[in-house]
C-alpha atoms as a PDB file:
ATOM      1  CA  MET A   1     -29.600   8.748  -0.835  1.00  0.00           C
ATOM      2  CA  LYS A   2     -28.521  12.309  -0.115  1.00  0.00           C
ATOM      3  CA  GLY A   3     -25.502  11.020   1.811  1.00  0.00           C
ATOM      4  CA  LYS A   4     -24.425   8.832  -1.123  1.00  0.00           C
ATOM      5  CA  LYS A   5     -24.709  11.730  -3.543  1.00  0.00           C
ATOM      6  CA  THR A   6     -22.618  13.913  -1.254  1.00  0.00           C
ATOM      7  CA  PHE A   7     -20.015  11.144  -0.889  1.00  0.00           C
ATOM      8  CA  ARG A   8     -19.785  10.707  -4.677  1.00  0.00           C
ATOM      9  CA  ALA A   9     -19.584  14.455  -5.200  1.00  0.00           C
ATOM     10  CA  VAL A  10     -16.639  14.681  -2.774  1.00  0.00           C
ATOM     11  CA  ASP A  11     -15.008  11.744  -4.567  1.00  0.00           C
ATOM     12  CA  ILE A  12     -15.340  13.495  -7.920  1.00  0.00           C
ATOM     13  CA  ILE A  13     -13.888  16.714  -6.504  1.00  0.00           C
ATOM     14  CA  LEU A  14     -10.922  14.899  -4.956  1.00  0.00           C
ATOM     15  CA  LEU A  15     -10.210  12.942  -8.142  1.00  0.00           C
ATOM     16  CA  SER A  16     -10.471  16.120 -10.188  1.00  0.00           C
ATOM     17  CA  MET A  17      -7.956  17.811  -7.905  1.00  0.00           C
ATOM     18  CA  VAL A  18      -5.548  14.914  -8.479  1.00  0.00           C
ATOM     19  CA  PHE A  19      -5.415  15.594 -12.224  1.00  0.00           C
ATOM     20  CA  LEU A  20      -6.117  19.340 -12.239  1.00  0.00           C
ATOM     21  CA  PRO A  21      -2.514  20.277 -11.240  1.00  0.00           C
ATOM     22  CA  ILE A  22      -1.182  18.283 -14.213  1.00  0.00           C
ATOM     23  CA  LEU A  23      -3.549  20.092 -16.565  1.00  0.00           C
ATOM     24  CA  ALA A  24      -2.477  23.384 -15.007  1.00  0.00           C
ATOM     25  CA  GLY A  25       1.162  22.470 -15.672  1.00  0.00           C
ATOM     26  CA  ILE A  26       0.383  21.700 -19.309  1.00  0.00           C
ATOM     27  CA  ALA A  27      -1.466  25.013 -19.647  1.00  0.00           C
ATOM     28  CA  LEU A  28       1.470  26.925 -18.127  1.00  0.00           C
ATOM     29  CA  LYS A  29       3.878  25.261 -20.534  1.00  0.00           C
ATOM     30  CA  VAL A  30       1.715  26.010 -23.569  1.00  0.00           C
ATOM     31  CA  LEU A  31       1.192  29.648 -22.548  1.00  0.00           C
ATOM     32  CA  TYR A  32       4.638  30.626 -21.282  1.00  0.00           C
ATOM     33  CA  VAL A  33       7.339  28.131 -22.329  1.00  0.00           C
ATOM     34  CA  PRO A  34       8.555  28.813 -25.890  1.00  0.00           C
ATOM     35  CA  ALA A  35       8.511  25.860 -28.268  1.00  0.00           C
ATOM     36  CA  PRO A  36      12.029  24.427 -28.709  1.00  0.00           C
ATOM     37  CA  GLU A  37      13.736  24.537 -32.066  1.00  0.00           C
ATOM     38  CA  GLY A  38      15.361  21.177 -32.644  1.00  0.00           C
ATOM     39  CA  ILE A  39      16.936  19.421 -29.652  1.00  0.00           C
ATOM     40  CA  ASP A  40      16.438  21.313 -26.385  1.00  0.00           C
ATOM     41  CA  VAL A  41      18.499  20.335 -23.320  1.00  0.00           C
ATOM     42  CA  THR A  42      18.724  23.781 -21.746  1.00  0.00           C
ATOM     43  CA  GLY A  43      17.116  22.805 -18.458  1.00  0.00           C
ATOM     44  CA  ALA A  44      14.113  24.206 -16.622  1.00  0.00           C
ATOM     45  CA  PHE A  45      12.433  27.315 -18.015  1.00  0.00           C
ATOM     46  CA  ILE A  46      12.503  30.345 -15.669  1.00  0.00           C
ATOM     47  CA  PHE A  47       9.000  31.829 -15.312  1.00  0.00           C
ATOM     48  CA  PHE A  48      10.126  34.868 -13.330  1.00  0.00           C
ATOM     49  CA  THR A  49      12.683  35.982 -10.745  1.00  0.00           C
ATOM     50  CA  ALA A  50      11.585  36.974  -7.248  1.00  0.00           C
ATOM     51  CA  GLU A  51      13.609  39.885  -5.886  1.00  0.00           C
ATOM     52  CA  LEU A  52      13.946  39.662  -2.103  1.00  0.00           C
ATOM     53  CA  GLY A  53      16.410  42.510  -1.603  1.00  0.00           C
ATOM     54  CA  PHE A  54      19.229  40.317  -0.329  1.00  0.00           C
ATOM     55  CA  ALA A  55      18.880  37.680  -3.071  1.00  0.00           C
ATOM     56  CA  SER A  56      17.179  36.898  -6.371  1.00  0.00           C
ATOM     57  CA  ILE A  57      15.264  33.620  -6.498  1.00  0.00           C
ATOM     58  CA  PRO A  58      14.343  32.278  -9.961  1.00  0.00           C
ATOM     59  CA  ILE A  59      11.001  30.459 -10.104  1.00  0.00           C
ATOM     60  CA  THR A  60      11.488  27.646 -12.609  1.00  0.00           C
ATOM     61  CA  GLU A  61       9.548  24.803 -14.158  1.00  0.00           C
ATOM     62  CA  ALA A  62      11.218  22.417 -11.709  1.00  0.00           C
ATOM     63  CA  GLN A  63       9.857  24.294  -8.679  1.00  0.00           C
ATOM     64  CA  VAL A  64       6.390  24.809 -10.128  1.00  0.00           C
ATOM     65  CA  ASN A  65       6.071  21.195 -11.287  1.00  0.00           C
ATOM     66  CA  SER A  66       7.311  19.956  -7.902  1.00  0.00           C
ATOM     67  CA  TRP A  67       4.477  21.816  -6.191  1.00  0.00           C
ATOM     68  CA  LEU A  68       2.002  20.475  -8.740  1.00  0.00           C
ATOM     69  CA  VAL A  69       3.110  16.931  -7.907  1.00  0.00           C
ATOM     70  CA  ILE A  70       2.800  17.641  -4.165  1.00  0.00           C
ATOM     71  CA  ILE A  71      -0.747  18.973  -4.641  1.00  0.00           C
ATOM     72  CA  SER A  72      -1.704  15.911  -6.725  1.00  0.00           C
ATOM     73  CA  VAL A  73      -0.299  13.512  -4.113  1.00  0.00           C
ATOM     74  CA  PHE A  74      -2.093  15.399  -1.327  1.00  0.00           C
ATOM     75  CA  PHE A  75      -5.489  15.031  -2.987  1.00  0.00           C
ATOM     76  CA  LEU A  76      -4.731  11.425  -3.964  1.00  0.00           C
ATOM     77  CA  CYS A  77      -4.170  10.647  -0.283  1.00  0.00           C
ATOM     78  CA  LEU A  78      -7.425  12.400   0.604  1.00  0.00           C
ATOM     79  CA  TYR A  79      -9.236  10.348  -2.047  1.00  0.00           C
ATOM     80  CA  LEU A  80      -7.766   7.035  -0.855  1.00  0.00           C
ATOM     81  CA  THR A  81      -8.669   7.759   2.767  1.00  0.00           C
ATOM     82  CA  HIS A  82     -12.102   9.236   2.067  1.00  0.00           C
ATOM     83  CA  GLY A  83     -14.793   7.142   3.704  1.00  0.00           C
ATOM     84  CA  ILE A  84     -12.472   4.564   5.292  1.00  0.00           C
ATOM     85  CA  ARG A  85     -14.244   2.730   8.112  1.00  0.00           C
ATOM     86  CA  ALA A  86     -13.287  -0.071  10.454  1.00  0.00           C
ATOM     87  CA  GLY A  87     -14.734  -3.409   9.407  1.00  0.00           C
ATOM     88  CA  VAL A  88     -15.670  -2.207   5.894  1.00  0.00           C
ATOM     89  CA  SER A  89     -13.431  -3.297   3.003  1.00  0.00           C
ATOM     90  CA  THR A  90     -13.541  -1.464  -0.299  1.00  0.00           C
ATOM     91  CA  ARG A  91     -11.138  -1.549  -3.223  1.00  0.00           C
ATOM     92  CA  ARG A  92      -9.914   1.912  -2.310  1.00  0.00           C
ATOM     93  CA  GLN A  93      -9.303   0.924   1.302  1.00  0.00           C
ATOM     94  CA  LEU A  94      -7.559  -2.296   0.284  1.00  0.00           C
ATOM     95  CA  ALA A  95      -5.272  -0.332  -2.048  1.00  0.00           C
ATOM     96  CA  ALA A  96      -4.399   2.149   0.717  1.00  0.00           C
ATOM     97  CA  GLU A  97      -3.779  -0.635   3.238  1.00  0.00           C
ATOM     98  CA  TRP A  98      -1.617  -2.549   0.748  1.00  0.00           C
ATOM     99  CA  ALA A  99       0.550   0.537   0.139  1.00  0.00           C
ATOM    100  CA  VAL A 100       0.956   1.158   3.880  1.00  0.00           C
ATOM    101  CA  GLU A 101       1.788  -2.487   4.611  1.00  0.00           C
ATOM    102  CA  LYS A 102       4.383  -2.668   1.817  1.00  0.00           C
ATOM    103  CA  CYS A 103       6.080   0.518   3.001  1.00  0.00           C
ATOM    104  CA  GLU A 104       6.100  -0.615   6.629  1.00  0.00           C
ATOM    105  CA  GLY A 105       7.502  -3.958   5.482  1.00  0.00           C
ATOM    106  CA  LEU A 106      10.366  -2.195   3.668  1.00  0.00           C
ATOM    107  CA  ILE A 107      11.154  -0.191   6.807  1.00  0.00           C
ATOM    108  CA  SER A 108      11.086  -3.283   9.001  1.00  0.00           C
ATOM    109  CA  GLU A 109      13.358  -5.292   6.678  1.00  0.00           C
ATOM    110  CA  ASN A 110      15.910  -2.574   5.938  1.00  0.00           C
ATOM    111  CA  MET A 111      15.925  -0.341   9.002  1.00  0.00           C
ATOM    112  CA  GLY A 112      14.569  -2.327  11.929  1.00  0.00           C
ATOM    113  CA  GLU A 113      11.577  -1.977  14.200  1.00  0.00           C
ATOM    114  CA  HIS A 114      12.926   1.108  16.027  1.00  0.00           C
ATOM    115  CA  PHE A 115      12.620   3.040  12.718  1.00  0.00           C
ATOM    116  CA  SER A 116       8.940   2.191  12.208  1.00  0.00           C
ATOM    117  CA  GLY A 117       8.054   5.891  12.314  1.00  0.00           C
ATOM    118  CA  PHE A 118      10.013   6.425   9.095  1.00  0.00           C
ATOM    119  CA  ALA A 119       7.331   4.789   6.918  1.00  0.00           C
ATOM    120  CA  PRO A 120       5.531   8.055   5.958  1.00  0.00           C
ATOM    121  CA  PHE A 121       8.812   9.769   5.090  1.00  0.00           C
ATOM    122  CA  ILE A 122      10.067   6.918   2.887  1.00  0.00           C
ATOM    123  CA  ALA A 123       6.657   6.621   1.204  1.00  0.00           C
ATOM    124  CA  ALA A 124       6.707  10.358   0.473  1.00  0.00           C
ATOM    125  CA  VAL A 125      10.223  10.120  -0.993  1.00  0.00           C
ATOM    126  CA  MET A 126       9.272   7.249  -3.311  1.00  0.00           C
ATOM    127  CA  VAL A 127       5.960   8.734  -4.472  1.00  0.00           C
ATOM    128  CA  LEU A 128       7.302  12.253  -5.030  1.00  0.00           C
ATOM    129  CA  SER A 129      10.377  10.965  -6.861  1.00  0.00           C
ATOM    130  CA  ALA A 130       8.430   8.583  -9.114  1.00  0.00           C
ATOM    131  CA  LEU A 131       5.648  11.035  -9.982  1.00  0.00           C
ATOM    132  CA  SER A 132       8.106  13.904 -10.516  1.00  0.00           C
ATOM    133  CA  SER A 133       9.992  11.787 -13.053  1.00  0.00           C
ATOM    134  CA  LEU A 134       6.755  10.626 -14.698  1.00  0.00           C
ATOM    135  CA  MET A 135       5.801  14.248 -15.470  1.00  0.00           C
ATOM    136  CA  SER A 136       7.685  13.770 -18.747  1.00  0.00           C
ATOM    137  CA  LEU A 137       4.842  11.489 -19.921  1.00  0.00           C
ATOM    138  CA  PHE A 138       2.657  14.599 -20.078  1.00  0.00           C
ATOM    139  CA  GLY A 139       5.285  16.611 -21.939  1.00  0.00           C
ATOM    140  CA  LEU A 140       6.238  18.506 -18.765  1.00  0.00           C
ATOM    141  CA  PHE A 141       9.695  19.141 -17.356  1.00  0.00           C
ATOM    142  CA  PRO A 142      10.435  16.429 -14.749  1.00  0.00           C
ATOM    143  CA  PRO A 143      11.637  18.104 -11.517  1.00  0.00           C
ATOM    144  CA  THR A 144      14.033  15.219 -10.840  1.00  0.00           C
ATOM    145  CA  SER A 145      16.053  16.187 -13.935  1.00  0.00           C
ATOM    146  CA  ASP A 146      16.953  19.435 -12.137  1.00  0.00           C
ATOM    147  CA  LEU A 147      20.006  19.026  -9.887  1.00  0.00           C
ATOM    148  CA  ASN A 148      18.614  21.540  -7.381  1.00  0.00           C
ATOM    149  CA  VAL A 149      15.643  19.283  -6.608  1.00  0.00           C
ATOM    150  CA  ALA A 150      17.693  16.089  -6.250  1.00  0.00           C
ATOM    151  CA  ALA A 151      20.314  17.945  -4.200  1.00  0.00           C
ATOM    152  CA  GLY A 152      17.630  19.298  -1.854  1.00  0.00           C
ATOM    153  CA  TRP A 153      16.391  15.778  -1.153  1.00  0.00           C
ATOM    154  CA  ALA A 154      19.957  14.510  -0.677  1.00  0.00           C
ATOM    155  CA  ILE A 155      20.761  17.315   1.785  1.00  0.00           C
ATOM    156  CA  LEU A 156      17.651  16.428   3.780  1.00  0.00           C
ATOM    157  CA  VAL A 157      18.828  12.798   3.943  1.00  0.00           C
ATOM    158  CA  PHE A 158      22.311  13.977   4.971  1.00  0.00           C
ATOM    159  CA  ILE A 159      20.776  15.981   7.860  1.00  0.00           C
ATOM    160  CA  LEU A 160      18.924  12.859   9.007  1.00  0.00           C
ATOM    161  CA  ILE A 161      22.120  10.784   8.801  1.00  0.00           C
ATOM    162  CA  THR A 162      24.020  13.343  10.891  1.00  0.00           C
ATOM    163  CA  TYR A 163      21.153  13.601  13.386  1.00  0.00           C
ATOM    164  CA  TYR A 164      21.091   9.858  14.034  1.00  0.00           C
ATOM    165  CA  LYS A 165      24.865   9.730  14.351  1.00  0.00           C
ATOM    166  CA  MET A 166      24.721  12.571  16.877  1.00  0.00           C
ATOM    167  CA  LYS A 167      22.114  10.684  18.936  1.00  0.00           C
ATOM    168  CA  CYS A 168      24.955   8.463  20.110  1.00  0.00           C
ATOM    169  CA  GLY A 169      26.780  11.551  21.378  1.00  0.00           C
ATOM    170  CA  PRO A 170      28.950  14.241  19.793  1.00  0.00           C
ATOM    171  CA  VAL A 171      32.109  12.514  21.020  1.00  0.00           C
ATOM    172  CA  ASN A 172      31.133   9.223  19.370  1.00  0.00           C
ATOM    173  CA  TYR A 173      30.288  11.108  16.189  1.00  0.00           C
ATOM    174  CA  LEU A 174      33.735  12.701  16.051  1.00  0.00           C
ATOM    175  CA  LYS A 175      35.426   9.416  16.965  1.00  0.00           C
ATOM    176  CA  SER A 176      33.718   7.707  14.022  1.00  0.00           C
ATOM    177  CA  PHE A 177      35.876   9.727  11.616  1.00  0.00           C
ATOM    178  CA  ALA A 178      38.991   8.073  13.059  1.00  0.00           C
ATOM    179  CA  GLN A 179      37.708   4.532  12.525  1.00  0.00           C
ATOM    180  CA  PRO A 180      39.172   2.010  11.968  1.00  0.00           C
ATOM    181  CA  VAL A 181      42.525   3.841  12.203  1.00  0.00           C
ATOM    182  CA  PRO A 182      43.204   7.584  12.779  1.00  0.00           C
ATOM    183  CA  PHE A 183      45.130   8.216   9.545  1.00  0.00           C
ATOM    184  CA  LEU A 184      41.954   7.463   7.566  1.00  0.00           C
ATOM    185  CA  THR A 185      40.223  10.526   9.069  1.00  0.00           C
ATOM    186  CA  PRO A 186      40.568  12.690   5.903  1.00  0.00           C
ATOM    187  CA  LEU A 187      39.074   9.927   3.769  1.00  0.00           C
ATOM    188  CA  ASN A 188      36.212   9.436   6.229  1.00  0.00           C
ATOM    189  CA  VAL A 189      35.438  13.165   6.145  1.00  0.00           C
ATOM    190  CA  ILE A 190      35.413  13.091   2.335  1.00  0.00           C
ATOM    191  CA  SER A 191      33.179  10.010   2.412  1.00  0.00           C
ATOM    192  CA  GLU A 192      30.744  11.810   4.727  1.00  0.00           C
ATOM    193  CA  VAL A 193      30.435  14.754   2.336  1.00  0.00           C
ATOM    194  CA  ALA A 194      30.342  12.483  -0.723  1.00  0.00           C
ATOM    195  CA  THR A 195      27.179  10.727   0.464  1.00  0.00           C
ATOM    196  CA  PRO A 196      24.666  13.501  -0.401  1.00  0.00           C
ATOM    197  CA  VAL A 197      26.686  14.464  -3.501  1.00  0.00           C
ATOM    198  CA  SER A 198      26.575  10.925  -4.896  1.00  0.00           C
ATOM    199  CA  MET A 199      22.860  10.520  -4.089  1.00  0.00           C
ATOM    200  CA  ALA A 200      21.992  13.798  -5.814  1.00  0.00           C
ATOM    201  CA  PHE A 201      24.062  13.212  -8.944  1.00  0.00           C
ATOM    202  CA  ARG A 202      22.982   9.576  -9.275  1.00  0.00           C
ATOM    203  CA  HIS A 203      19.283  10.422  -9.223  1.00  0.00           C
ATOM    204  CA  PHE A 204      19.598  13.576 -11.307  1.00  0.00           C
ATOM    205  CA  GLY A 205      21.950  11.981 -13.847  1.00  0.00           C
ATOM    206  CA  ASN A 206      19.819   8.910 -14.508  1.00  0.00           C
ATOM    207  CA  ILE A 207      16.635  10.900 -15.096  1.00  0.00           C
ATOM    208  CA  LEU A 208      18.338  13.576 -17.202  1.00  0.00           C
ATOM    209  CA  SER A 209      20.232  11.040 -19.302  1.00  0.00           C
ATOM    210  CA  GLY A 210      16.976   9.278 -20.173  1.00  0.00           C
ATOM    211  CA  THR A 211      15.434  12.559 -21.303  1.00  0.00           C
ATOM    212  CA  VAL A 212      18.493  13.451 -23.402  1.00  0.00           C
ATOM    213  CA  VAL A 213      18.735  10.008 -25.029  1.00  0.00           C
ATOM    214  CA  SER A 214      15.028  10.023 -25.917  1.00  0.00           C
ATOM    215  CA  ALA A 215      15.328  13.518 -27.443  1.00  0.00           C
ATOM    216  CA  LEU A 216      18.421  12.565 -29.445  1.00  0.00           C
ATOM    217  CA  VAL A 217      16.853   9.358 -30.781  1.00  0.00           C
ATOM    218  CA  ALA A 218      13.620  11.167 -31.723  1.00  0.00           C
ATOM    219  CA  ALA A 219      15.551  13.929 -33.523  1.00  0.00           C
ATOM    220  CA  GLY A 220      17.781  11.405 -35.284  1.00  0.00           C
ATOM    221  CA  LEU A 221      14.817   9.351 -36.482  1.00  0.00           C
ATOM    222  CA  GLN A 222      13.124  12.495 -37.767  1.00  0.00           C
ATOM    223  CA  GLY A 223      16.198  13.438 -39.822  1.00  0.00           C
ATOM    224  CA  LEU A 224      16.626   9.876 -41.075  1.00  0.00           C
ATOM    225  CA  SER A 225      12.958   9.694 -42.055  1.00  0.00           C
ATOM    226  CA  HIS A 226      13.216  12.876 -44.133  1.00  0.00           C
ATOM    227  CA  ALA A 227      16.450  11.622 -45.745  1.00  0.00           C
ATOM    228  CA  LEU A 228      15.055   8.217 -46.715  1.00  0.00           C
ATOM    229  CA  LEU A 229      11.393   9.012 -47.344  1.00  0.00           C
ATOM    230  CA  GLY A 230      11.543  12.665 -48.363  1.00  0.00           C
ATOM    231  CA  TRP A 231      10.941  11.636 -51.994  1.00  0.00           C
ATOM    232  CA  LEU A 232       7.318  10.710 -51.201  1.00  0.00           C
ATOM    233  CA  PRO A 233       4.847  13.091 -52.899  1.00  0.00           C
ATOM    234  CA  GLY A 234       3.217  16.014 -51.084  1.00  0.00           C
ATOM    235  CA  LYS A 235       2.760  15.970 -47.343  1.00  0.00           C
ATOM    236  CA  LEU A 236       3.744  12.306 -47.115  1.00  0.00           C
ATOM    237  CA  GLY A 237       7.398  13.265 -47.487  1.00  0.00           C
ATOM    238  CA  GLU A 238       7.133  15.522 -44.430  1.00  0.00           C
ATOM    239  CA  ILE A 239       5.729  12.849 -42.108  1.00  0.00           C
ATOM    240  CA  PRO A 240       8.489  11.342 -39.876  1.00  0.00           C
ATOM    241  CA  PHE A 241       7.405   7.729 -40.323  1.00  0.00           C
ATOM    242  CA  LEU A 242      10.518   6.353 -38.580  1.00  0.00           C
ATOM    243  CA  GLN A 243       9.542   8.169 -35.390  1.00  0.00           C
ATOM    244  CA  ILE A 244       6.495   5.934 -35.056  1.00  0.00           C
ATOM    245  CA  GLY A 245       7.038   3.161 -32.522  1.00  0.00           C
ATOM    246  CA  LEU A 246      10.658   3.319 -31.353  1.00  0.00           C
ATOM    247  CA  PRO A 247      10.400   6.524 -29.259  1.00  0.00           C
ATOM    248  CA  ALA A 248       7.350   5.021 -27.544  1.00  0.00           C
ATOM    249  CA  VAL A 249       9.343   1.874 -26.695  1.00  0.00           C
ATOM    250  CA  LEU A 250      12.167   3.998 -25.282  1.00  0.00           C
ATOM    251  CA  SER A 251       9.608   5.986 -23.304  1.00  0.00           C
ATOM    252  CA  VAL A 252       8.402   2.792 -21.623  1.00  0.00           C
ATOM    253  CA  TYR A 253      11.929   2.280 -20.275  1.00  0.00           C
ATOM    254  CA  PHE A 254      13.147   5.812 -19.577  1.00  0.00           C
ATOM    255  CA  ASP A 255       9.847   7.374 -18.496  1.00  0.00           C
ATOM    256  CA  LEU A 256       8.203   4.436 -16.726  1.00  0.00           C
ATOM    257  CA  PHE A 257      10.622   1.709 -15.668  1.00  0.00           C
ATOM    258  CA  SER A 258      13.656   3.913 -15.035  1.00  0.00           C
ATOM    259  CA  SER A 259      11.635   6.563 -13.168  1.00  0.00           C
ATOM    260  CA  VAL A 260      10.099   4.053 -10.779  1.00  0.00           C
ATOM    261  CA  LEU A 261      13.429   2.230 -10.403  1.00  0.00           C
ATOM    262  CA  GLN A 262      15.341   5.412  -9.530  1.00  0.00           C
ATOM    263  CA  ALA A 263      12.679   6.364  -6.976  1.00  0.00           C
ATOM    264  CA  PHE A 264      13.027   2.952  -5.342  1.00  0.00           C
ATOM    265  CA  ILE A 265      16.840   3.169  -5.357  1.00  0.00           C
ATOM    266  CA  PHE A 266      16.824   6.633  -3.776  1.00  0.00           C
ATOM    267  CA  ALA A 267      14.441   5.434  -1.060  1.00  0.00           C
ATOM    268  CA  MET A 268      16.536   2.299  -0.434  1.00  0.00           C
ATOM    269  CA  LEU A 269      19.742   4.352  -0.135  1.00  0.00           C
ATOM    270  CA  THR A 270      17.970   6.688   2.281  1.00  0.00           C
ATOM    271  CA  MET A 271      16.918   3.761   4.458  1.00  0.00           C
ATOM    272  CA  LEU A 272      20.324   2.098   4.402  1.00  0.00           C
ATOM    273  CA  TYR A 273      22.317   5.281   5.080  1.00  0.00           C
ATOM    274  CA  VAL A 274      20.087   6.433   7.942  1.00  0.00           C
ATOM    275  CA  ALA A 275      19.871   2.972   9.540  1.00  0.00           C
ATOM    276  CA  GLY A 276      23.620   2.455   9.126  1.00  0.00           C
ATOM    277  CA  ALA A 277      24.323   5.785  10.830  1.00  0.00           C
ATOM    278  CA  PHE A 278      22.462   4.798  13.993  1.00  0.00           C
ATOM    279  CA  ASP A 279      24.273   2.495  16.433  1.00  0.00           C
ATOM    280  CA  TYR A 280      21.371   1.290  18.535  1.00  0.00           C
ATOM    281  CA  GLU A 281      23.556  -0.509  21.098  1.00  0.00           C
ATOM    282  CA  THR A 282      25.702   2.581  21.730  1.00  0.00           C
ATOM    283  CA  TYR A 283      22.578   4.720  21.941  1.00  0.00           C
ATOM    284  CA  SER A 284      20.976   2.324  24.466  1.00  0.00           C
ATOM    285  CA  LYS A 285      24.103   2.277  26.629  1.00  0.00           C
ATOM    286  CA  ARG A 286      24.336   6.077  26.548  1.00  0.00           C
ATOM    287  CA  LYS A 287      20.667   6.410  27.415  1.00  0.00           C
ATOM    288  CA  GLU A 288      21.005   3.893  30.261  1.00  0.00           C
ATOM    289  CA  LYS A 289      24.052   5.710  31.575  1.00  0.00           C
ATOM    290  CA  LYS A 290      22.184   9.023  31.591  1.00  0.00           C
ATOM    291  CA  SER A 291      19.244   7.361  33.352  1.00  0.00           C
ATOM    292  CA  ASN A 292      21.519   5.908  36.062  1.00  0.00           C
ATOM    293  CA  LYS A 293      23.140   9.311  36.594  1.00  0.00           C
ATOM    294  CA  SER A 294      19.769  11.021  37.003  1.00  0.00           C
ATOM    295  CA  VAL A 295      18.662   8.360  39.505  1.00  0.00           C
ATOM    296  CA  THR A 296      21.912   8.700  41.458  1.00  0.00           C
ATOM    297  CA  TYR A 297      21.755  12.477  41.641  1.00  0.00           C
ATOM    298  CA  GLY A 298      18.058  12.357  42.368  1.00  0.00           C
ATOM    299  CA  GLY A 299      18.654   9.979  45.277  1.00  0.00           C
END
């Protein structure tokens, strides 16, 4: 009995820590972020600027909310894995196993078996992207609508792409810019640099555009409501009746469907770019050649 009470108490603490960061974000916004007047598309609010001597680093809503999402995901993982045992199936364990199997299946289908270790990374990309975008449901600034956040993820993917290209050898990496013919080298270099740029702007632009469209529609409906129904007596004329319903429908698309879709697209592009950068046959031949050389010299 005591063990069950302890188990439930830990469960409650872990679940509380999943939602506590969101509540903390709402409290920070209420206390420090000034209420917008009309339509506000100014970007992330700057809480303070850290002076490091050689540089000034602004601490914004995007950074703070990103860490809040990371903390929530961390405790969600702890909750899902709390009490998992071999041979015992619970709803929580089945949910965790389903998520792992789906992610491993995506890796296997799109990247191949030799990339099986990428499952945690791709899962983290999808979850962080989706939950960061869904912060707007709580009235918080979504980190993915800040170009710095999307660009940071894209640069990380670009480093992985370059790393897997370099695994086939620096010479092969440089030769790839001259394929299929040497005079296309400038275009290939531009294409290499354009990969992280396009990933960052695609993700950032889709999330930001949804936020802007929702704000514009809500503001327009408020003005239209006052113009058409302002003649109603007393406080009734001040109620934006036309804002009831339509903004919620738009929120289902922009805040739910689009957020999850963009997270999936970013993860898919990551898988395809990284897998496409790695020539497994060339890598195997290079590895075999190195092995033969070491055997020869060793003998």
